[in-house]
Amino acid sequence: MNHIVATLLLISVTIVWGWSFVLVKDAIAIYGVMSFLTVRFIVAGLVMAPYSARRVTRSSLAVGIPIGLVLSAVFVTQTFGLQWTTATNSGLITGLFVVFAPMANRVMFGVRTRWLSWAAIAISFVGLALLTGSGPDRLNVGDLLTLVGAAFIGVFIALLDRYAKEHDAAGFAFVQIMVSTVCFLVVWPMIEPVRLPTGDVWFALLITGVISTAAGAIIQNHAQQHLPAVRVTVIIALTPLSAAVFGFVAAGDRLNAIQIGGAVLMIGAVMLVEVLGNNGKK
């Protein structure tokens, strides 16, 4: 897989994740956060198992289990944060992962980031701020959870950047998904009543479980075998833009001139890394 194909696949994932944002917001209001996450990951695991389970090795288990714990922390903090804060605050604060990812790579692995990549990160963050509004309101519990989730996303991207190249992408992703599934299964009855989802929730569960989680995990693991963490970070930062587009189409939301300017800046940041960057690292 060359860099262009990996980039296009990852961009396709951000489109699905943007759609998922709209779906999840409504679904967790009906079904609950842990209930939704647990069933979503069970669906993802069942879909992945026939193809991915036989690709798991002892090495991918040893490395994938702790990364799966980080992934479960990402989903728990981000989804609870989405439940308890506004969409504007959630989009802006989650976007801080564009800063946390290179910071995590630097702290954990000593990876230096080129000035060009920092410029792209800064541009994408300004774009996120403009896209999601003028700034966050007074911080609440949801905001703080979302901030923690953004930090976990940064750590997750840095870990995949370090270890994904050493393992089969499908098997490695399957380990991460199954570890998260086990975590959610343990926590679910402690927080919410265990009950089957209603018909209204199943559509969101199938879309997010099959496409966003199962296919998305494999694609991201594949992409991070060929793309550096900084480039992946900037591309994934397009997810709020995708969510805004689906909000426009599906919910009748409209972007003002400032938000459109933010979208243009985010696209420009990706182009800066893709056209002028040299793998985003030095």
C-alpha atoms as a PDB file:
ATOM      1  CA  MET A   1       0.000   0.000   0.000  1.00  0.00           C
ATOM      2  CA  ASN A   2       1.554   3.320  -1.040  1.00  0.00           C
ATOM      3  CA  HIS A   3       1.145   6.633   0.763  1.00  0.00           C
ATOM      4  CA  ILE A   4      -1.573   7.909  -1.579  1.00  0.00           C
ATOM      5  CA  VAL A   5      -3.778   4.845  -1.104  1.00  0.00           C
ATOM      6  CA  ALA A   6      -3.235   4.883   2.667  1.00  0.00           C
ATOM      7  CA  THR A   7      -4.139   8.574   2.778  1.00  0.00           C
ATOM      8  CA  LEU A   8      -7.312   8.083   0.732  1.00  0.00           C
ATOM      9  CA  LEU A   9      -8.418   5.160   2.905  1.00  0.00           C
ATOM     10  CA  LEU A  10      -7.837   7.152   6.064  1.00  0.00           C
ATOM     11  CA  ILE A  11      -9.781  10.111   4.682  1.00  0.00           C
ATOM     12  CA  SER A  12     -12.637   7.713   3.911  1.00  0.00           C
ATOM     13  CA  VAL A  13     -12.571   6.656   7.560  1.00  0.00           C
ATOM     14  CA  THR A  14     -12.893  10.262   8.710  1.00  0.00           C
ATOM     15  CA  ILE A  15     -16.026  10.576   6.555  1.00  0.00           C
ATOM     16  CA  VAL A  16     -17.584   7.563   8.278  1.00  0.00           C
ATOM     17  CA  TRP A  17     -16.529   8.812  11.701  1.00  0.00           C
ATOM     18  CA  GLY A  18     -18.144  12.159  10.945  1.00  0.00           C
ATOM     19  CA  TRP A  19     -21.395  10.398  10.121  1.00  0.00           C
ATOM     20  CA  SER A  20     -21.049   8.270  13.251  1.00  0.00           C
ATOM     21  CA  PHE A  21     -20.844  11.386  15.401  1.00  0.00           C
ATOM     22  CA  VAL A  22     -24.374  12.310  14.320  1.00  0.00           C
ATOM     23  CA  LEU A  23     -25.659   8.758  14.867  1.00  0.00           C
ATOM     24  CA  VAL A  24     -24.078   8.222  18.282  1.00  0.00           C
ATOM     25  CA  LYS A  25     -25.317  11.507  19.746  1.00  0.00           C
ATOM     26  CA  ASP A  26     -28.947  10.403  19.322  1.00  0.00           C
ATOM     27  CA  ALA A  27     -28.382   6.718  20.130  1.00  0.00           C
ATOM     28  CA  ILE A  28     -26.742   7.187  23.539  1.00  0.00           C
ATOM     29  CA  ALA A  29     -29.597   9.451  24.612  1.00  0.00           C
ATOM     30  CA  ILE A  30     -31.929   6.483  24.102  1.00  0.00           C
ATOM     31  CA  TYR A  31     -29.792   3.472  25.025  1.00  0.00           C
ATOM     32  CA  GLY A  32     -26.983   4.719  27.293  1.00  0.00           C
ATOM     33  CA  VAL A  33     -23.251   5.131  26.790  1.00  0.00           C
ATOM     34  CA  MET A  34     -21.905   1.811  28.103  1.00  0.00           C
ATOM     35  CA  SER A  35     -24.783  -0.162  26.608  1.00  0.00           C
ATOM     36  CA  PHE A  36     -24.153   1.364  23.195  1.00  0.00           C
ATOM     37  CA  LEU A  37     -20.363   0.936  23.361  1.00  0.00           C
ATOM     38  CA  THR A  38     -20.593  -2.688  24.472  1.00  0.00           C
ATOM     39  CA  VAL A  39     -23.007  -3.821  21.773  1.00  0.00           C
ATOM     40  CA  ARG A  40     -21.184  -1.735  19.159  1.00  0.00           C
ATOM     41  CA  PHE A  41     -17.892  -3.494  19.913  1.00  0.00           C
ATOM     42  CA  ILE A  42     -19.519  -6.922  20.090  1.00  0.00           C
ATOM     43  CA  VAL A  43     -20.870  -6.307  16.586  1.00  0.00           C
ATOM     44  CA  ALA A  44     -17.430  -5.153  15.419  1.00  0.00           C
ATOM     45  CA  GLY A  45     -15.719  -8.196  16.905  1.00  0.00           C
ATOM     46  CA  LEU A  46     -18.183 -10.616  15.305  1.00  0.00           C
ATOM     47  CA  VAL A  47     -17.676  -8.978  11.913  1.00  0.00           C
ATOM     48  CA  MET A  48     -13.881  -9.018  12.198  1.00  0.00           C
ATOM     49  CA  ALA A  49     -13.467 -12.515  13.671  1.00  0.00           C
ATOM     50  CA  PRO A  50     -13.768 -14.691  10.518  1.00  0.00           C
ATOM     51  CA  TYR A  51     -11.030 -12.732   8.731  1.00  0.00           C
ATOM     52  CA  SER A  52      -8.903 -11.347  11.541  1.00  0.00           C
ATOM     53  CA  ALA A  53      -8.871 -13.877  14.394  1.00  0.00           C
ATOM     54  CA  ARG A  54      -6.527 -16.303  12.615  1.00  0.00           C
ATOM     55  CA  ARG A  55      -4.067 -13.480  11.993  1.00  0.00           C
ATOM     56  CA  VAL A  56      -3.495 -12.845  15.703  1.00  0.00           C
ATOM     57  CA  THR A  57      -0.047 -13.835  16.972  1.00  0.00           C
ATOM     58  CA  ARG A  58       1.532 -13.942  20.404  1.00  0.00           C
ATOM     59  CA  SER A  59       3.426 -10.792  19.563  1.00  0.00           C
ATOM     60  CA  SER A  60       0.304  -8.916  18.443  1.00  0.00           C
ATOM     61  CA  LEU A  61      -1.426 -10.030  21.641  1.00  0.00           C
ATOM     62  CA  ALA A  62       1.412  -8.808  23.855  1.00  0.00           C
ATOM     63  CA  VAL A  63       1.522  -5.394  22.211  1.00  0.00           C
ATOM     64  CA  GLY A  64      -2.140  -5.087  21.245  1.00  0.00           C
ATOM     65  CA  ILE A  65      -3.593  -5.646  24.721  1.00  0.00           C
ATOM     66  CA  PRO A  66      -2.225  -2.431  26.286  1.00  0.00           C
ATOM     67  CA  ILE A  67      -3.080  -0.488  23.120  1.00  0.00           C
ATOM     68  CA  GLY A  68      -6.601  -1.919  23.338  1.00  0.00           C
ATOM     69  CA  LEU A  69      -6.849  -0.583  26.886  1.00  0.00           C
ATOM     70  CA  VAL A  70      -5.962   2.875  25.578  1.00  0.00           C
ATOM     71  CA  LEU A  71      -8.584   2.489  22.838  1.00  0.00           C
ATOM     72  CA  SER A  72     -11.257   1.588  25.393  1.00  0.00           C
ATOM     73  CA  ALA A  73     -10.298   4.676  27.413  1.00  0.00           C
ATOM     74  CA  VAL A  74     -10.666   6.793  24.248  1.00  0.00           C
ATOM     75  CA  PHE A  75     -14.213   5.608  23.628  1.00  0.00           C
ATOM     76  CA  VAL A  76     -15.383   5.796  27.242  1.00  0.00           C
ATOM     77  CA  THR A  77     -14.112   9.319  27.896  1.00  0.00           C
ATOM     78  CA  GLN A  78     -15.083  10.674  24.497  1.00  0.00           C
ATOM     79  CA  THR A  79     -18.591   9.189  24.483  1.00  0.00           C
ATOM     80  CA  PHE A  80     -19.414  10.199  28.059  1.00  0.00           C
ATOM     81  CA  GLY A  81     -18.018  13.621  27.249  1.00  0.00           C
ATOM     82  CA  LEU A  82     -20.291  13.868  24.228  1.00  0.00           C
ATOM     83  CA  GLN A  83     -23.257  13.043  26.456  1.00  0.00           C
ATOM     84  CA  TRP A  84     -22.502  15.749  29.022  1.00  0.00           C
ATOM     85  CA  THR A  85     -21.237  18.661  26.940  1.00  0.00           C
ATOM     86  CA  THR A  86     -22.318  20.647  23.912  1.00  0.00           C
ATOM     87  CA  ALA A  87     -21.427  19.662  20.381  1.00  0.00           C
ATOM     88  CA  THR A  88     -19.390  22.861  19.995  1.00  0.00           C
ATOM     89  CA  ASN A  89     -17.271  22.181  23.066  1.00  0.00           C
ATOM     90  CA  SER A  90     -16.887  18.515  22.141  1.00  0.00           C
ATOM     91  CA  GLY A  91     -15.650  19.303  18.637  1.00  0.00           C
ATOM     92  CA  LEU A  92     -13.199  21.950  19.768  1.00  0.00           C
ATOM     93  CA  ILE A  93     -11.763  20.072  22.738  1.00  0.00           C
ATOM     94  CA  THR A  94     -11.517  16.714  20.939  1.00  0.00           C
ATOM     95  CA  GLY A  95      -9.579  18.517  18.216  1.00  0.00           C
ATOM     96  CA  LEU A  96      -6.745  19.007  20.710  1.00  0.00           C
ATOM     97  CA  PHE A  97      -5.552  15.513  19.815  1.00  0.00           C
ATOM     98  CA  VAL A  98      -3.719  17.214  16.919  1.00  0.00           C
ATOM     99  CA  VAL A  99      -1.421  18.610  19.603  1.00  0.00           C
ATOM    100  CA  PHE A 100      -1.420  15.594  21.936  1.00  0.00           C
ATOM    101  CA  ALA A 101      -0.310  13.077  19.261  1.00  0.00           C
ATOM    102  CA  PRO A 102       3.098  14.631  18.456  1.00  0.00           C
ATOM    103  CA  MET A 103       3.544  15.429  22.159  1.00  0.00           C
ATOM    104  CA  ALA A 104       2.939  11.769  23.028  1.00  0.00           C
ATOM    105  CA  ASN A 105       5.318  10.642  20.282  1.00  0.00           C
ATOM    106  CA  ARG A 106       7.966  12.992  21.625  1.00  0.00           C
ATOM    107  CA  VAL A 107       7.530  12.006  25.286  1.00  0.00           C
ATOM    108  CA  MET A 108       7.198   8.231  24.788  1.00  0.00           C
ATOM    109  CA  PHE A 109       9.499   7.627  21.827  1.00  0.00           C
ATOM    110  CA  GLY A 110      11.621  10.743  21.380  1.00  0.00           C
ATOM    111  CA  VAL A 111      10.268  11.418  17.871  1.00  0.00           C
ATOM    112  CA  ARG A 112      11.045  14.950  16.715  1.00  0.00           C
ATOM    113  CA  THR A 113       8.441  16.852  14.711  1.00  0.00           C
ATOM    114  CA  ARG A 114       9.471  19.123  11.832  1.00  0.00           C
ATOM    115  CA  TRP A 115       8.445  22.780  11.796  1.00  0.00           C
ATOM    116  CA  LEU A 116       6.290  22.097   8.731  1.00  0.00           C
ATOM    117  CA  SER A 117       4.308  19.494  10.620  1.00  0.00           C
ATOM    118  CA  TRP A 118       3.858  21.824  13.594  1.00  0.00           C
ATOM    119  CA  ALA A 119       2.625  24.480  11.167  1.00  0.00           C
ATOM    120  CA  ALA A 120       0.059  22.020   9.774  1.00  0.00           C
ATOM    121  CA  ILE A 121      -1.004  21.097  13.307  1.00  0.00           C
ATOM    122  CA  ALA A 122      -1.430  24.760  14.224  1.00  0.00           C
ATOM    123  CA  ILE A 123      -3.428  25.477  11.066  1.00  0.00           C
ATOM    124  CA  SER A 124      -5.690  22.466  11.573  1.00  0.00           C
ATOM    125  CA  PHE A 125      -6.324  23.431  15.200  1.00  0.00           C
ATOM    126  CA  VAL A 126      -7.236  27.007  14.228  1.00  0.00           C
ATOM    127  CA  GLY A 127      -9.518  25.531  11.577  1.00  0.00           C
ATOM    128  CA  LEU A 128     -11.148  23.302  14.180  1.00  0.00           C
ATOM    129  CA  ALA A 129     -11.688  26.280  16.480  1.00  0.00           C
ATOM    130  CA  LEU A 130     -13.334  28.276  13.694  1.00  0.00           C
ATOM    131  CA  LEU A 131     -15.398  25.318  12.530  1.00  0.00           C
ATOM    132  CA  THR A 132     -16.785  24.451  15.952  1.00  0.00           C
ATOM    133  CA  GLY A 133     -17.377  28.024  17.140  1.00  0.00           C
ATOM    134  CA  SER A 134     -15.606  30.937  18.732  1.00  0.00           C
ATOM    135  CA  GLY A 135     -14.502  28.914  21.750  1.00  0.00           C
ATOM    136  CA  PRO A 136     -15.668  26.659  24.580  1.00  0.00           C
ATOM    137  CA  ASP A 137     -18.071  27.800  27.230  1.00  0.00           C
ATOM    138  CA  ARG A 138     -17.232  27.370  30.901  1.00  0.00           C
ATOM    139  CA  LEU A 139     -15.697  23.932  31.402  1.00  0.00           C
ATOM    140  CA  ASN A 140     -17.885  21.202  32.888  1.00  0.00           C
ATOM    141  CA  VAL A 141     -17.416  17.493  33.575  1.00  0.00           C
ATOM    142  CA  GLY A 142     -18.159  16.609  29.951  1.00  0.00           C
ATOM    143  CA  ASP A 143     -15.564  19.083  28.725  1.00  0.00           C
ATOM    144  CA  LEU A 144     -12.919  17.660  31.042  1.00  0.00           C
ATOM    145  CA  LEU A 145     -13.721  14.077  29.994  1.00  0.00           C
ATOM    146  CA  THR A 146     -13.485  15.116  26.359  1.00  0.00           C
ATOM    147  CA  LEU A 147     -10.095  16.696  27.035  1.00  0.00           C
ATOM    148  CA  VAL A 148      -8.892  13.453  28.610  1.00  0.00           C
ATOM    149  CA  GLY A 149     -10.268  11.584  25.603  1.00  0.00           C
ATOM    150  CA  ALA A 150      -8.320  13.846  23.244  1.00  0.00           C
ATOM    151  CA  ALA A 151      -5.145  13.032  25.165  1.00  0.00           C
ATOM    152  CA  PHE A 152      -5.878   9.299  24.896  1.00  0.00           C
ATOM    153  CA  ILE A 153      -6.417   9.674  21.139  1.00  0.00           C
ATOM    154  CA  GLY A 154      -2.996  11.284  20.873  1.00  0.00           C
ATOM    155  CA  VAL A 155      -1.414   8.414  22.808  1.00  0.00           C
ATOM    156  CA  PHE A 156      -3.266   5.848  20.681  1.00  0.00           C
ATOM    157  CA  ILE A 157      -2.037   7.411  17.422  1.00  0.00           C
ATOM    158  CA  ALA A 158       1.531   7.537  18.736  1.00  0.00           C
ATOM    159  CA  LEU A 159       1.394   3.869  19.814  1.00  0.00           C
ATOM    160  CA  LEU A 160       0.095   2.736  16.429  1.00  0.00           C
ATOM    161  CA  ASP A 161       2.772   4.807  14.726  1.00  0.00           C
ATOM    162  CA  ARG A 162       5.368   2.934  16.787  1.00  0.00           C
ATOM    163  CA  TYR A 163       4.047  -0.639  16.647  1.00  0.00           C
ATOM    164  CA  ALA A 164       1.570  -1.102  13.768  1.00  0.00           C
ATOM    165  CA  LYS A 165       4.314  -1.706  11.202  1.00  0.00           C
ATOM    166  CA  GLU A 166       5.449  -4.804  13.107  1.00  0.00           C
ATOM    167  CA  HIS A 167       2.127  -6.667  12.936  1.00  0.00           C
ATOM    168  CA  ASP A 168      -0.560  -7.800  10.561  1.00  0.00           C
ATOM    169  CA  ALA A 169      -3.042  -4.911  10.501  1.00  0.00           C
ATOM    170  CA  ALA A 170      -6.210  -7.031  10.673  1.00  0.00           C
ATOM    171  CA  GLY A 171      -4.966  -9.233  13.524  1.00  0.00           C
ATOM    172  CA  PHE A 172      -3.535  -6.293  15.438  1.00  0.00           C
ATOM    173  CA  ALA A 173      -6.773  -4.309  15.128  1.00  0.00           C
ATOM    174  CA  PHE A 174      -8.813  -7.350  16.196  1.00  0.00           C
ATOM    175  CA  VAL A 175      -6.839  -7.643  19.428  1.00  0.00           C
ATOM    176  CA  GLN A 176      -7.501  -3.978  20.234  1.00  0.00           C
ATOM    177  CA  ILE A 177     -11.223  -4.317  19.512  1.00  0.00           C
ATOM    178  CA  MET A 178     -11.583  -7.476  21.612  1.00  0.00           C
ATOM    179  CA  VAL A 179      -9.718  -5.977  24.575  1.00  0.00           C
ATOM    180  CA  SER A 180     -12.059  -2.984  24.478  1.00  0.00           C
ATOM    181  CA  THR A 181     -15.064  -5.311  24.195  1.00  0.00           C
ATOM    182  CA  VAL A 182     -14.034  -7.219  27.314  1.00  0.00           C
ATOM    183  CA  CYS A 183     -13.521  -3.964  29.221  1.00  0.00           C
ATOM    184  CA  PHE A 184     -16.966  -2.718  28.223  1.00  0.00           C
ATOM    185  CA  LEU A 185     -18.618  -6.038  29.105  1.00  0.00           C
ATOM    186  CA  VAL A 186     -17.138  -5.887  32.606  1.00  0.00           C
ATOM    187  CA  VAL A 187     -18.114  -2.264  33.237  1.00  0.00           C
ATOM    188  CA  TRP A 188     -21.550  -2.308  31.564  1.00  0.00           C
ATOM    189  CA  PRO A 189     -23.586  -3.955  34.393  1.00  0.00           C
ATOM    190  CA  MET A 190     -21.865  -1.727  36.957  1.00  0.00           C
ATOM    191  CA  ILE A 191     -23.111   1.468  35.310  1.00  0.00           C
ATOM    192  CA  GLU A 192     -26.273   0.702  33.350  1.00  0.00           C
ATOM    193  CA  PRO A 193     -28.934  -2.028  33.263  1.00  0.00           C
ATOM    194  CA  VAL A 194     -28.119  -4.761  30.775  1.00  0.00           C
ATOM    195  CA  ARG A 195     -30.846  -4.771  28.146  1.00  0.00           C
ATOM    196  CA  LEU A 196     -31.166  -5.338  24.450  1.00  0.00           C
ATOM    197  CA  PRO A 197     -31.248  -2.266  22.189  1.00  0.00           C
ATOM    198  CA  THR A 198     -34.458  -1.097  20.618  1.00  0.00           C
ATOM    199  CA  GLY A 199     -35.083  -0.985  16.899  1.00  0.00           C
ATOM    200  CA  ASP A 200     -34.288   2.721  16.731  1.00  0.00           C
ATOM    201  CA  VAL A 201     -30.775   2.105  18.077  1.00  0.00           C
ATOM    202  CA  TRP A 202     -29.885  -0.930  15.944  1.00  0.00           C
ATOM    203  CA  PHE A 203     -29.262   1.113  12.815  1.00  0.00           C
ATOM    204  CA  ALA A 204     -26.670   3.244  14.616  1.00  0.00           C
ATOM    205  CA  LEU A 205     -25.145   0.127  16.196  1.00  0.00           C
ATOM    206  CA  LEU A 206     -24.735  -1.647  12.861  1.00  0.00           C
ATOM    207  CA  ILE A 207     -23.288   1.379  11.067  1.00  0.00           C
ATOM    208  CA  THR A 208     -20.844   2.223  13.843  1.00  0.00           C
ATOM    209  CA  GLY A 209     -20.036  -1.399  14.672  1.00  0.00           C
ATOM    210  CA  VAL A 210     -19.449  -2.702  11.147  1.00  0.00           C
ATOM    211  CA  ILE A 211     -18.142   0.334   9.276  1.00  0.00           C
ATOM    212  CA  SER A 212     -16.867   2.861  11.803  1.00  0.00           C
ATOM    213  CA  THR A 213     -15.340   0.427  14.309  1.00  0.00           C
ATOM    214  CA  ALA A 214     -14.453  -2.813  12.470  1.00  0.00           C
ATOM    215  CA  ALA A 215     -13.513  -1.444   9.059  1.00  0.00           C
ATOM    216  CA  GLY A 216     -12.200   1.790  10.576  1.00  0.00           C
ATOM    217  CA  ALA A 217      -9.846  -0.023  12.951  1.00  0.00           C
ATOM    218  CA  ILE A 218      -8.348  -2.159  10.183  1.00  0.00           C
ATOM    219  CA  ILE A 219      -7.944   0.821   7.848  1.00  0.00           C
ATOM    220  CA  GLN A 220      -6.299   2.959  10.526  1.00  0.00           C
ATOM    221  CA  ASN A 221      -3.899   0.160  11.446  1.00  0.00           C
ATOM    222  CA  HIS A 222      -3.071  -0.327   7.754  1.00  0.00           C
ATOM    223  CA  ALA A 223      -2.621   3.411   7.229  1.00  0.00           C
ATOM    224  CA  GLN A 224      -0.312   3.789  10.206  1.00  0.00           C
ATOM    225  CA  GLN A 225       1.960   1.145   8.742  1.00  0.00           C
ATOM    226  CA  HIS A 226       2.630   3.544   5.867  1.00  0.00           C
ATOM    227  CA  LEU A 227       1.998   7.055   7.218  1.00  0.00           C
ATOM    228  CA  PRO A 228       3.716   8.891  10.098  1.00  0.00           C
ATOM    229  CA  ALA A 229       1.761   9.897  13.180  1.00  0.00           C
ATOM    230  CA  VAL A 230       1.728  13.614  12.374  1.00  0.00           C
ATOM    231  CA  ARG A 231       0.182  13.071   8.943  1.00  0.00           C
ATOM    232  CA  VAL A 232      -2.385  10.675  10.414  1.00  0.00           C
ATOM    233  CA  THR A 233      -3.188  13.254  13.091  1.00  0.00           C
ATOM    234  CA  VAL A 234      -3.847  16.034  10.586  1.00  0.00           C
ATOM    235  CA  ILE A 235      -5.985  13.786   8.372  1.00  0.00           C
ATOM    236  CA  ILE A 236      -8.093  12.546  11.292  1.00  0.00           C
ATOM    237  CA  ALA A 237      -8.584  16.191  12.268  1.00  0.00           C
ATOM    238  CA  LEU A 238     -10.902  16.348   9.242  1.00  0.00           C
ATOM    239  CA  THR A 239     -13.478  14.284  11.168  1.00  0.00           C
ATOM    240  CA  PRO A 240     -15.291  17.365  12.602  1.00  0.00           C
ATOM    241  CA  LEU A 241     -15.505  18.730   9.051  1.00  0.00           C
ATOM    242  CA  SER A 242     -17.139  15.488   7.957  1.00  0.00           C
ATOM    243  CA  ALA A 243     -19.563  15.715  10.891  1.00  0.00           C
ATOM    244  CA  ALA A 244     -20.462  19.270   9.855  1.00  0.00           C
ATOM    245  CA  VAL A 245     -21.196  18.133   6.297  1.00  0.00           C
ATOM    246  CA  PHE A 246     -23.481  15.334   7.509  1.00  0.00           C
ATOM    247  CA  GLY A 247     -25.132  17.781   9.887  1.00  0.00           C
ATOM    248  CA  PHE A 248     -25.805  20.050   6.898  1.00  0.00           C
ATOM    249  CA  VAL A 249     -27.249  17.228   4.776  1.00  0.00           C
ATOM    250  CA  ALA A 250     -29.076  15.180   7.390  1.00  0.00           C
ATOM    251  CA  ALA A 251     -30.046  17.692  10.061  1.00  0.00           C
ATOM    252  CA  GLY A 252     -30.339  20.947   8.124  1.00  0.00           C
ATOM    253  CA  ASP A 253     -27.426  22.603   9.947  1.00  0.00           C
ATOM    254  CA  ARG A 254     -25.769  25.518   8.173  1.00  0.00           C
ATOM    255  CA  LEU A 255     -22.175  26.750   8.256  1.00  0.00           C
ATOM    256  CA  ASN A 256     -21.528  30.467   8.594  1.00  0.00           C
ATOM    257  CA  ALA A 257     -18.650  32.291   6.917  1.00  0.00           C
ATOM    258  CA  ILE A 258     -16.287  31.767   9.870  1.00  0.00           C
ATOM    259  CA  GLN A 259     -16.975  28.014   9.949  1.00  0.00           C
ATOM    260  CA  ILE A 260     -16.425  27.723   6.209  1.00  0.00           C
ATOM    261  CA  GLY A 261     -13.094  29.498   6.695  1.00  0.00           C
ATOM    262  CA  GLY A 262     -12.200  26.926   9.341  1.00  0.00           C
ATOM    263  CA  ALA A 263     -13.033  24.088   6.957  1.00  0.00           C
ATOM    264  CA  VAL A 264     -10.787  25.626   4.297  1.00  0.00           C
ATOM    265  CA  LEU A 265      -7.922  25.921   6.805  1.00  0.00           C
ATOM    266  CA  MET A 266      -8.289  22.243   7.779  1.00  0.00           C
ATOM    267  CA  ILE A 267      -8.171  21.117   4.171  1.00  0.00           C
ATOM    268  CA  GLY A 268      -5.162  23.383   3.650  1.00  0.00           C
ATOM    269  CA  ALA A 269      -3.353  21.763   6.569  1.00  0.00           C
ATOM    270  CA  VAL A 270      -3.772  18.329   4.994  1.00  0.00           C
ATOM    271  CA  MET A 271      -2.507  19.657   1.666  1.00  0.00           C
ATOM    272  CA  LEU A 272       0.492  21.238   3.397  1.00  0.00           C
ATOM    273  CA  VAL A 273       1.549  17.907   4.852  1.00  0.00           C
ATOM    274  CA  GLU A 274       0.741  15.918   1.712  1.00  0.00           C
ATOM    275  CA  VAL A 275       2.328  18.206  -0.876  1.00  0.00           C
ATOM    276  CA  LEU A 276       5.256  19.734   0.982  1.00  0.00           C
ATOM    277  CA  GLY A 277       5.855  17.267   3.779  1.00  0.00           C
ATOM    278  CA  ASN A 278       8.491  14.585   3.800  1.00  0.00           C
ATOM    279  CA  ASN A 279       6.641  11.925   5.786  1.00  0.00           C
ATOM    280  CA  GLY A 280       5.944  14.516   8.474  1.00  0.00           C
ATOM    281  CA  LYS A 281       9.120  13.655  10.372  1.00  0.00           C
ATOM    282  CA  LYS A 282      12.716  14.478  10.574  1.00  0.00           C
END
